[in-house]
PDB file of N, CA and C in Angstrom:
ATOM      1  N   UNK A   1      36.288   3.164 -34.691  1.00  0.00           N
ATOM      2  CA  UNK A   1      34.503   2.638 -34.575  1.00  0.00           C
ATOM      3  C   UNK A   1      34.125   1.457 -33.034  1.00  0.00           C
ATOM      4  N   UNK A   2      35.473   1.276 -32.542  1.00  0.00           N
ATOM      5  CA  UNK A   2      36.232   0.958 -31.150  1.00  0.00           C
ATOM      6  C   UNK A   2      35.317   1.287 -30.234  1.00  0.00           C
ATOM      7  N   UNK A   3      36.684   2.335 -30.105  1.00  0.00           N
ATOM      8  CA  UNK A   3      35.947   3.200 -28.884  1.00  0.00           C
ATOM      9  C   UNK A   3      34.833   3.879 -29.123  1.00  0.00           C
ATOM     10  N   UNK A   4      33.843   4.310 -30.114  1.00  0.00           N
ATOM     11  CA  UNK A   4      32.313   4.535 -29.677  1.00  0.00           C
ATOM     12  C   UNK A   4      31.220   3.927 -29.321  1.00  0.00           C
ATOM     13  N   UNK A   5      31.838   2.190 -29.686  1.00  0.00           N
ATOM     14  CA  UNK A   5      30.888   1.586 -28.165  1.00  0.00           C
ATOM     15  C   UNK A   5      31.164   1.310 -27.256  1.00  0.00           C
ATOM     16  N   UNK A   6      32.761   1.081 -27.051  1.00  0.00           N
ATOM     17  CA  UNK A   6      32.311   1.519 -25.849  1.00  0.00           C
ATOM     18  C   UNK A   6      32.444   2.576 -24.786  1.00  0.00           C
ATOM     19  N   UNK A   7      32.179   3.507 -25.614  1.00  0.00           N
ATOM     20  CA  UNK A   7      31.518   5.165 -24.745  1.00  0.00           C
ATOM     21  C   UNK A   7      30.338   4.467 -24.732  1.00  0.00           C
ATOM     22  N   UNK A   8      29.340   4.471 -25.912  1.00  0.00           N
ATOM     23  CA  UNK A   8      28.059   3.674 -25.609  1.00  0.00           C
ATOM     24  C   UNK A   8      27.803   2.831 -24.967  1.00  0.00           C
ATOM     25  N   UNK A   9      28.772   1.775 -24.089  1.00  0.00           N
ATOM     26  CA  UNK A   9      28.246   0.718 -23.213  1.00  0.00           C
ATOM     27  C   UNK A   9      27.909   0.908 -22.177  1.00  0.00           C
ATOM     28  N   UNK A  10      28.674   1.660 -21.701  1.00  0.00           N
ATOM     29  CA  UNK A  10      28.144   1.856 -20.382  1.00  0.00           C
ATOM     30  C   UNK A  10      26.385   2.701 -20.004  1.00  0.00           C
ATOM     31  N   UNK A  11      26.025   3.496 -20.724  1.00  0.00           N
ATOM     32  CA  UNK A  11      24.749   3.394 -20.969  1.00  0.00           C
ATOM     33  C   UNK A  11      23.656   2.601 -21.470  1.00  0.00           C
ATOM     34  N   UNK A  12      23.919   1.471 -21.973  1.00  0.00           N
ATOM     35  CA  UNK A  12      23.370   0.799 -22.085  1.00  0.00           C
ATOM     36  C   UNK A  12      23.188  -0.087 -20.830  1.00  0.00           C
ATOM     37  N   UNK A  13      23.756  -0.758 -20.308  1.00  0.00           N
ATOM     38  CA  UNK A  13      24.540  -1.595 -19.606  1.00  0.00           C
ATOM     39  C   UNK A  13      23.264  -1.128 -18.224  1.00  0.00           C
ATOM     40  N   UNK A  14      22.956   1.015 -18.197  1.00  0.00           N
ATOM     41  CA  UNK A  14      22.996   1.226 -17.143  1.00  0.00           C
ATOM     42  C   UNK A  14      20.923   0.885 -16.860  1.00  0.00           C
ATOM     43  N   UNK A  15      20.949   0.445 -18.885  1.00  0.00           N
ATOM     44  CA  UNK A  15      19.121   0.780 -18.315  1.00  0.00           C
ATOM     45  C   UNK A  15      18.717   0.137 -17.955  1.00  0.00           C
ATOM     46  N   UNK A  16      18.815  -1.541 -18.298  1.00  0.00           N
ATOM     47  CA  UNK A  16      18.503  -2.690 -17.449  1.00  0.00           C
ATOM     48  C   UNK A  16      18.734  -3.083 -15.874  1.00  0.00           C
ATOM     49  N   UNK A  17      20.249  -2.538 -14.905  1.00  0.00           N
ATOM     50  CA  UNK A  17      19.573  -2.159 -13.695  1.00  0.00           C
ATOM     51  C   UNK A  17      19.356  -1.432 -13.662  1.00  0.00           C
ATOM     52  N   UNK A  18      19.322   0.215 -14.092  1.00  0.00           N
ATOM     53  CA  UNK A  18      17.787   1.372 -13.658  1.00  0.00           C
ATOM     54  C   UNK A  18      16.841   0.170 -13.280  1.00  0.00           C
ATOM     55  N   UNK A  19      15.589  -0.656 -13.948  1.00  0.00           N
ATOM     56  CA  UNK A  19      14.900  -1.255 -14.550  1.00  0.00           C
ATOM     57  C   UNK A  19      14.479  -2.229 -13.503  1.00  0.00           C
ATOM     58  N   UNK A  20      15.858  -2.999 -12.996  1.00  0.00           N
ATOM     59  CA  UNK A  20      15.610  -4.272 -12.211  1.00  0.00           C
ATOM     60  C   UNK A  20      15.773  -3.365 -10.964  1.00  0.00           C
ATOM     61  N   UNK A  21      16.470  -2.734 -10.831  1.00  0.00           N
ATOM     62  CA  UNK A  21      16.522  -2.420  -9.344  1.00  0.00           C
ATOM     63  C   UNK A  21      16.294  -0.988  -8.753  1.00  0.00           C
ATOM     64  N   UNK A  22      14.502  -0.203  -9.348  1.00  0.00           N
ATOM     65  CA  UNK A  22      13.888   0.948  -9.086  1.00  0.00           C
ATOM     66  C   UNK A  22      12.870   0.035 -10.418  1.00  0.00           C
ATOM     67  N   UNK A  23      12.549   0.242 -11.060  1.00  0.00           N
ATOM     68  CA  UNK A  23      11.345   0.333 -11.549  1.00  0.00           C
ATOM     69  C   UNK A  23      10.709  -1.073 -11.823  1.00  0.00           C
ATOM     70  N   UNK A  24      11.201  -2.439 -11.404  1.00  0.00           N
ATOM     71  CA  UNK A  24      10.425  -4.142 -10.947  1.00  0.00           C
ATOM     72  C   UNK A  24       9.415  -3.459  -9.453  1.00  0.00           C
ATOM     73  N   UNK A  25      11.103  -3.250  -8.643  1.00  0.00           N
ATOM     74  CA  UNK A  25      10.818  -3.925  -7.078  1.00  0.00           C
ATOM     75  C   UNK A  25       9.286  -2.575  -7.263  1.00  0.00           C
ATOM     76  N   UNK A  26       9.099  -0.998  -8.256  1.00  0.00           N
ATOM     77  CA  UNK A  26       8.079  -0.390  -7.598  1.00  0.00           C
ATOM     78  C   UNK A  26       6.444  -1.317  -8.247  1.00  0.00           C
ATOM     79  N   UNK A  27       6.667  -1.796  -9.196  1.00  0.00           N
ATOM     80  CA  UNK A  27       5.781  -2.904 -10.083  1.00  0.00           C
ATOM     81  C   UNK A  27       5.240  -3.774  -9.397  1.00  0.00           C
ATOM     82  N   UNK A  28       5.875  -4.572  -8.522  1.00  0.00           N
ATOM     83  CA  UNK A  28       5.739  -5.247  -7.987  1.00  0.00           C
ATOM     84  C   UNK A  28       5.531  -4.835  -6.580  1.00  0.00           C
ATOM     85  N   UNK A  29       5.626  -3.845  -5.805  1.00  0.00           N
ATOM     86  CA  UNK A  29       4.595  -3.266  -4.989  1.00  0.00           C
ATOM     87  C   UNK A  29       3.455  -2.688  -4.991  1.00  0.00           C
ATOM     88  N   UNK A  30       3.109  -1.962  -6.452  1.00  0.00           N
ATOM     89  CA  UNK A  30       2.236  -1.302  -6.728  1.00  0.00           C
ATOM     90  C   UNK A  30       0.414  -2.397  -6.587  1.00  0.00           C
ATOM     91  N   UNK A  31       1.055  -3.640  -7.951  1.00  0.00           N
ATOM     92  CA  UNK A  31       0.636  -4.993  -6.942  1.00  0.00           C
ATOM     93  C   UNK A  31       0.042  -5.411  -6.242  1.00  0.00           C
ATOM     94  N   UNK A  32       1.266  -5.651  -5.369  1.00  0.00           N
ATOM     95  CA  UNK A  32      -0.136  -6.355  -3.952  1.00  0.00           C
ATOM     96  C   UNK A  32      -0.624  -5.357  -2.828  1.00  0.00           C
ATOM     97  N   UNK A  33      -0.500  -3.771  -3.284  1.00  0.00           N
ATOM     98  CA  UNK A  33      -1.309  -2.769  -2.595  1.00  0.00           C
ATOM     99  C   UNK A  33      -2.698  -2.628  -3.429  1.00  0.00           C
ATOM    100  N   UNK A  34      -2.594  -2.799  -4.738  1.00  0.00           N
ATOM    101  CA  UNK A  34      -3.816  -3.040  -5.586  1.00  0.00           C
ATOM    102  C   UNK A  34      -5.000  -4.762  -5.375  1.00  0.00           C
ATOM    103  N   UNK A  35      -4.246  -5.710  -4.481  1.00  0.00           N
ATOM    104  CA  UNK A  35      -4.645  -6.772  -4.680  1.00  0.00           C
ATOM    105  C   UNK A  35      -4.998  -6.735  -2.692  1.00  0.00           C
ATOM    106  N   UNK A  36      -4.251  -5.974  -1.840  1.00  0.00           N
ATOM    107  CA  UNK A  36      -4.559  -5.870  -0.212  1.00  0.00           C
ATOM    108  C   UNK A  36      -5.857  -5.534  -0.426  1.00  0.00           C
ATOM    109  N   UNK A  37      -6.273  -4.025  -1.205  1.00  0.00           N
ATOM    110  CA  UNK A  37      -7.377  -3.198  -1.524  1.00  0.00           C
ATOM    111  C   UNK A  37      -8.618  -4.205  -1.686  1.00  0.00           C
ATOM    112  N   UNK A  38      -7.935  -5.235  -2.891  1.00  0.00           N
ATOM    113  CA  UNK A  38      -9.002  -5.035  -3.702  1.00  0.00           C
ATOM    114  C   UNK A  38     -10.261  -6.633  -2.627  1.00  0.00           C
ATOM    115  N   UNK A  39      -8.816  -7.296  -1.767  1.00  0.00           N
ATOM    116  CA  UNK A  39      -9.646  -7.728  -0.851  1.00  0.00           C
ATOM    117  C   UNK A  39     -10.143  -7.257   0.572  1.00  0.00           C
ATOM    118  N   UNK A  40     -10.092  -6.263   0.851  1.00  0.00           N
ATOM    119  CA  UNK A  40     -10.600  -5.028   1.668  1.00  0.00           C
ATOM    120  C   UNK A  40     -12.257  -5.741   1.563  1.00  0.00           C
ATOM    121  N   UNK A  41     -11.990  -6.185   3.707  1.00  0.00           N
ATOM    122  CA  UNK A  41     -13.847  -6.760   3.264  1.00  0.00           C
ATOM    123  C   UNK A  41     -14.643  -6.378   4.675  1.00  0.00           C
ATOM    124  N   UNK A  42     -16.366  -5.747   5.317  1.00  0.00           N
ATOM    125  CA  UNK A  42     -16.247  -5.503   6.085  1.00  0.00           C
ATOM    126  C   UNK A  42     -15.811  -6.167   7.185  1.00  0.00           C
ATOM    127  N   UNK A  43     -15.551  -5.516   7.850  1.00  0.00           N
ATOM    128  CA  UNK A  43     -14.727  -6.099  10.067  1.00  0.00           C
ATOM    129  C   UNK A  43     -13.284  -5.725   9.504  1.00  0.00           C
ATOM    130  N   UNK A  44     -12.587  -5.549   8.812  1.00  0.00           N
ATOM    131  CA  UNK A  44     -11.191  -5.374   8.781  1.00  0.00           C
ATOM    132  C   UNK A  44     -11.069  -4.135   9.377  1.00  0.00           C
ATOM    133  N   UNK A  45     -10.060  -4.274  10.443  1.00  0.00           N
ATOM    134  CA  UNK A  45      -9.318  -3.008  10.869  1.00  0.00           C
ATOM    135  C   UNK A  45      -8.265  -2.227   9.382  1.00  0.00           C
ATOM    136  N   UNK A  46      -7.759  -0.713   9.353  1.00  0.00           N
ATOM    137  CA  UNK A  46      -7.200  -0.682   8.330  1.00  0.00           C
ATOM    138  C   UNK A  46      -6.782   0.869   8.539  1.00  0.00           C
ATOM    139  N   UNK A  47      -5.882   1.245   8.184  1.00  0.00           N
ATOM    140  CA  UNK A  47      -5.110   1.844   8.091  1.00  0.00           C
ATOM    141  C   UNK A  47      -4.916   2.406   7.881  1.00  0.00           C
ATOM    142  N   UNK A  48      -5.349   4.207   6.876  1.00  0.00           N
ATOM    143  CA  UNK A  48      -4.988   4.798   6.016  1.00  0.00           C
ATOM    144  C   UNK A  48      -3.439   5.468   5.696  1.00  0.00           C
ATOM    145  N   UNK A  49      -3.415   5.786   5.181  1.00  0.00           N
ATOM    146  CA  UNK A  49      -2.195   6.406   4.512  1.00  0.00           C
ATOM    147  C   UNK A  49      -1.923   7.874   5.246  1.00  0.00           C
ATOM    148  N   UNK A  50      -3.008   7.910   5.988  1.00  0.00           N
ATOM    149  CA  UNK A  50      -2.252   9.294   6.357  1.00  0.00           C
ATOM    150  C   UNK A  50      -2.134   9.223   7.924  1.00  0.00           C
ATOM    151  N   UNK A  51      -2.936   7.856   8.387  1.00  0.00           N
ATOM    152  CA  UNK A  51      -2.377   7.911   9.463  1.00  0.00           C
ATOM    153  C   UNK A  51      -3.515   7.577  10.812  1.00  0.00           C
ATOM    154  N   UNK A  52      -4.599   8.064  10.397  1.00  0.00           N
ATOM    155  CA  UNK A  52      -6.168   7.431  10.901  1.00  0.00           C
ATOM    156  C   UNK A  52      -6.493   5.886  11.071  1.00  0.00           C
ATOM    157  N   UNK A  53      -7.195   5.653  11.765  1.00  0.00           N
ATOM    158  CA  UNK A  53      -7.037   3.239  11.702  1.00  0.00           C
ATOM    159  C   UNK A  53      -8.553   3.870  12.668  1.00  0.00           C
ATOM    160  N   UNK A  54      -8.869   2.221  11.778  1.00  0.00           N
ATOM    161  CA  UNK A  54     -10.666   2.579  11.878  1.00  0.00           C
ATOM    162  C   UNK A  54     -11.164   1.274  11.451  1.00  0.00           C
ATOM    163  N   UNK A  55     -12.214   0.726  11.649  1.00  0.00           N
ATOM    164  CA  UNK A  55     -12.700  -0.756  11.054  1.00  0.00           C
ATOM    165  C   UNK A  55     -13.579   0.062   9.878  1.00  0.00           C
ATOM    166  N   UNK A  56     -13.583  -0.673   8.916  1.00  0.00           N
ATOM    167  CA  UNK A  56     -13.879  -1.251   8.144  1.00  0.00           C
ATOM    168  C   UNK A  56     -15.935  -1.804   8.018  1.00  0.00           C
ATOM    169  N   UNK A  57     -16.893  -0.733   7.637  1.00  0.00           N
ATOM    170  CA  UNK A  57     -18.462  -0.825   7.784  1.00  0.00           C
ATOM    171  C   UNK A  57     -19.222  -1.050   6.576  1.00  0.00           C
ATOM    172  N   UNK A  58     -18.277  -0.299   5.568  1.00  0.00           N
ATOM    173  CA  UNK A  58     -18.915  -0.863   4.663  1.00  0.00           C
ATOM    174  C   UNK A  58     -18.318  -0.610   3.322  1.00  0.00           C
ATOM    175  N   UNK A  59     -18.226  -1.599   1.390  1.00  0.00           N
ATOM    176  CA  UNK A  59     -17.087  -1.754   0.798  1.00  0.00           C
ATOM    177  C   UNK A  59     -17.992  -1.757  -0.643  1.00  0.00           C
ATOM    178  N   UNK A  60     -17.586  -0.366  -0.906  1.00  0.00           N
ATOM    179  CA  UNK A  60     -18.481  -0.575  -2.212  1.00  0.00           C
ATOM    180  C   UNK A  60     -17.206  -0.284  -3.032  1.00  0.00           C
ATOM    181  N   UNK A  61     -17.286  -0.540  -4.973  1.00  0.00           N
ATOM    182  CA  UNK A  61     -16.241  -0.120  -5.872  1.00  0.00           C
ATOM    183  C   UNK A  61     -15.363   0.465  -5.534  1.00  0.00           C
ATOM    184  N   UNK A  62     -15.333   2.243  -5.431  1.00  0.00           N
ATOM    185  CA  UNK A  62     -13.882   2.596  -5.179  1.00  0.00           C
ATOM    186  C   UNK A  62     -14.462   3.417  -3.694  1.00  0.00           C
ATOM    187  N   UNK A  63     -14.905   3.180  -3.011  1.00  0.00           N
ATOM    188  CA  UNK A  63     -14.939   3.789  -1.704  1.00  0.00           C
ATOM    189  C   UNK A  63     -14.899   3.211  -0.965  1.00  0.00           C
ATOM    190  N   UNK A  64     -14.960   3.205   0.060  1.00  0.00           N
ATOM    191  CA  UNK A  64     -15.298   2.357   1.953  1.00  0.00           C
ATOM    192  C   UNK A  64     -15.760   3.552   2.952  1.00  0.00           C
ATOM    193  N   UNK A  65     -16.161   2.561   3.777  1.00  0.00           N
ATOM    194  CA  UNK A  65     -17.173   3.448   4.929  1.00  0.00           C
ATOM    195  C   UNK A  65     -16.141   2.838   6.292  1.00  0.00           C
ATOM    196  N   UNK A  66     -15.447   3.776   6.376  1.00  0.00           N
ATOM    197  CA  UNK A  66     -14.585   3.838   7.921  1.00  0.00           C
ATOM    198  C   UNK A  66     -15.353   4.148   9.144  1.00  0.00           C
ATOM    199  N   UNK A  67     -15.651   3.241  10.378  1.00  0.00           N
ATOM    200  CA  UNK A  67     -15.767   3.946  11.458  1.00  0.00           C
ATOM    201  C   UNK A  67     -14.426   4.488  12.311  1.00  0.00           C
ATOM    202  N   UNK A  68     -14.809   5.744  12.300  1.00  0.00           N
ATOM    203  CA  UNK A  68     -13.548   5.840  13.522  1.00  0.00           C
ATOM    204  C   UNK A  68     -13.515   6.435  14.928  1.00  0.00           C
ATOM    205  N   UNK A  69     -14.883   5.929  15.027  1.00  0.00           N
ATOM    206  CA  UNK A  69     -15.207   5.863  16.601  1.00  0.00           C
ATOM    207  C   UNK A  69     -16.631   5.448  16.738  1.00  0.00           C
ATOM    208  N   UNK A  70     -17.343   5.189  17.755  1.00  0.00           N
ATOM    209  CA  UNK A  70     -18.857   4.908  17.949  1.00  0.00           C
ATOM    210  C   UNK A  70     -19.060   6.052  17.544  1.00  0.00           C
ATOM    211  N   UNK A  71     -19.873   5.079  16.612  1.00  0.00           N
ATOM    212  CA  UNK A  71     -21.243   6.527  15.045  1.00  0.00           C
ATOM    213  C   UNK A  71     -20.783   7.276  14.395  1.00  0.00           C
ATOM    214  N   UNK A  72     -19.355   7.038  14.362  1.00  0.00           N
ATOM    215  CA  UNK A  72     -18.777   8.632  13.183  1.00  0.00           C
ATOM    216  C   UNK A  72     -18.786   7.392  12.286  1.00  0.00           C
ATOM    217  N   UNK A  73     -18.951   7.808  11.244  1.00  0.00           N
ATOM    218  CA  UNK A  73     -17.990   7.101   9.578  1.00  0.00           C
ATOM    219  C   UNK A  73     -17.926   7.753   8.809  1.00  0.00           C
ATOM    220  N   UNK A  74     -17.058   7.990   8.111  1.00  0.00           N
ATOM    221  CA  UNK A  74     -16.659   8.765   7.390  1.00  0.00           C
ATOM    222  C   UNK A  74     -16.234   8.122   6.225  1.00  0.00           C
ATOM    223  N   UNK A  75     -16.354   7.945   4.993  1.00  0.00           N
ATOM    224  CA  UNK A  75     -16.359   7.886   3.433  1.00  0.00           C
ATOM    225  C   UNK A  75     -15.010   7.910   3.490  1.00  0.00           C
ATOM    226  N   UNK A  76     -13.856   6.993   2.626  1.00  0.00           N
ATOM    227  CA  UNK A  76     -12.259   7.007   2.622  1.00  0.00           C
ATOM    228  C   UNK A  76     -12.224   5.885   0.356  1.00  0.00           C
ATOM    229  N   UNK A  77     -10.888   7.265   0.182  1.00  0.00           N
ATOM    230  CA  UNK A  77     -11.133   6.464  -1.079  1.00  0.00           C
ATOM    231  C   UNK A  77     -10.361   5.088  -1.193  1.00  0.00           C
ATOM    232  N   UNK A  78     -10.308   3.494  -1.726  1.00  0.00           N
ATOM    233  CA  UNK A  78     -10.110   2.760  -1.149  1.00  0.00           C
ATOM    234  C   UNK A  78      -8.636   2.874  -1.383  1.00  0.00           C
ATOM    235  N   UNK A  79      -7.936   4.073  -2.533  1.00  0.00           N
ATOM    236  CA  UNK A  79      -6.159   3.697  -2.892  1.00  0.00           C
ATOM    237  C   UNK A  79      -5.442   4.221  -1.922  1.00  0.00           C
ATOM    238  N   UNK A  80      -5.854   5.301  -0.352  1.00  0.00           N
ATOM    239  CA  UNK A  80      -5.856   5.550   0.518  1.00  0.00           C
ATOM    240  C   UNK A  80      -5.643   4.563   1.776  1.00  0.00           C
ATOM    241  N   UNK A  81      -5.800   3.911   1.130  1.00  0.00           N
ATOM    242  CA  UNK A  81      -6.301   2.464   2.440  1.00  0.00           C
ATOM    243  C   UNK A  81      -4.543   1.965   2.876  1.00  0.00           C
ATOM    244  N   UNK A  82      -3.638   2.271   3.618  1.00  0.00           N
ATOM    245  CA  UNK A  82      -1.949   2.123   3.886  1.00  0.00           C
ATOM    246  C   UNK A  82      -1.760   0.481   3.940  1.00  0.00           C
ATOM    247  N   UNK A  83      -2.515   0.210   5.033  1.00  0.00           N
ATOM    248  CA  UNK A  83      -2.129  -1.044   5.448  1.00  0.00           C
ATOM    249  C   UNK A  83      -3.480  -1.348   6.641  1.00  0.00           C
ATOM    250  N   UNK A  84      -4.317  -3.183   6.012  1.00  0.00           N
ATOM    251  CA  UNK A  84      -4.940  -3.770   6.117  1.00  0.00           C
ATOM    252  C   UNK A  84      -4.877  -4.720   7.553  1.00  0.00           C
ATOM    253  N   UNK A  85      -5.327  -4.842   8.629  1.00  0.00           N
ATOM    254  CA  UNK A  85      -4.998  -5.061   9.939  1.00  0.00           C
ATOM    255  C   UNK A  85      -6.642  -6.094   9.595  1.00  0.00           C
ATOM    256  N   UNK A  86      -6.583  -7.631   9.593  1.00  0.00           N
ATOM    257  CA  UNK A  86      -7.864  -8.192   9.743  1.00  0.00           C
ATOM    258  C   UNK A  86      -7.831  -8.517  11.104  1.00  0.00           C
ATOM    259  N   UNK A  87      -8.733  -9.024  10.967  1.00  0.00           N
ATOM    260  CA  UNK A  87     -10.112  -9.134  12.498  1.00  0.00           C
ATOM    261  C   UNK A  87      -9.034  -9.392  13.978  1.00  0.00           C
ATOM    262  N   UNK A  88      -8.378 -10.689  13.312  1.00  0.00           N
ATOM    263  CA  UNK A  88      -7.701 -12.182  14.445  1.00  0.00           C
ATOM    264  C   UNK A  88      -6.557 -10.960  14.657  1.00  0.00           C
ATOM    265  N   UNK A  89      -6.058  -9.755  14.396  1.00  0.00           N
ATOM    266  CA  UNK A  89      -4.821  -9.606  14.169  1.00  0.00           C
ATOM    267  C   UNK A  89      -4.885  -8.299  15.648  1.00  0.00           C
ATOM    268  N   UNK A  90      -4.589  -8.390  16.448  1.00  0.00           N
ATOM    269  CA  UNK A  90      -4.722  -7.201  17.200  1.00  0.00           C
ATOM    270  C   UNK A  90      -3.478  -5.744  17.251  1.00  0.00           C
ATOM    271  N   UNK A  91      -4.353  -4.938  17.496  1.00  0.00           N
ATOM    272  CA  UNK A  91      -3.265  -3.789  17.092  1.00  0.00           C
ATOM    273  C   UNK A  91      -2.148  -3.142  17.979  1.00  0.00           C
ATOM    274  N   UNK A  92      -1.046  -3.060  17.672  1.00  0.00           N
ATOM    275  CA  UNK A  92      -0.143  -3.581  19.008  1.00  0.00           C
ATOM    276  C   UNK A  92      -0.658  -1.947  19.767  1.00  0.00           C
ATOM    277  N   UNK A  93      -0.146  -2.560  21.254  1.00  0.00           N
ATOM    278  CA  UNK A  93      -0.277  -1.508  22.380  1.00  0.00           C
ATOM    279  C   UNK A  93       0.589  -0.996  22.319  1.00  0.00           C
ATOM    280  N   UNK A  94       1.238   0.811  22.609  1.00  0.00           N
ATOM    281  CA  UNK A  94       2.291   1.767  23.121  1.00  0.00           C
ATOM    282  C   UNK A  94       2.515   1.690  24.138  1.00  0.00           C
ATOM    283  N   UNK A  95       1.221   1.829  25.611  1.00  0.00           N
ATOM    284  CA  UNK A  95       1.375   1.947  26.465  1.00  0.00           C
ATOM    285  C   UNK A  95       1.298   0.698  27.418  1.00  0.00           C
ATOM    286  N   UNK A  96       2.134   0.913  28.161  1.00  0.00           N
ATOM    287  CA  UNK A  96       2.486   0.282  29.830  1.00  0.00           C
ATOM    288  C   UNK A  96       1.330   0.524  30.690  1.00  0.00           C
ATOM    289  N   UNK A  97       0.692  -0.376  30.805  1.00  0.00           N
ATOM    290  CA  UNK A  97      -0.413  -0.215  31.850  1.00  0.00           C
ATOM    291  C   UNK A  97      -0.110  -1.800  32.940  1.00  0.00           C
ATOM    292  N   UNK A  98      -0.822  -0.819  33.934  1.00  0.00           N
ATOM    293  CA  UNK A  98       0.088  -2.550  35.289  1.00  0.00           C
ATOM    294  C   UNK A  98      -1.641  -2.585  35.963  1.00  0.00           C
TER     295      UNK A  98
END
């Protein structure tokens, strides 16, 4: 009886460990992403999961209009937004201008 319990005990310990190490952080990130997407507003600078950066010009229920160049607007599914950069946050420069 005691031998079978000792054989099952490691398996019973792995389940909560798996939940706290993998599932819970993933759920937390998903909730944060949903909240970020829900707070997208006109004028925000966004970065899409594909790496494209643009300015939000229109917000709908499931899509946003993003201006990627002057006069060029594309429709994007909200779930594809990776990062929201607000109006006050400058985009980092990667070139050294003197």
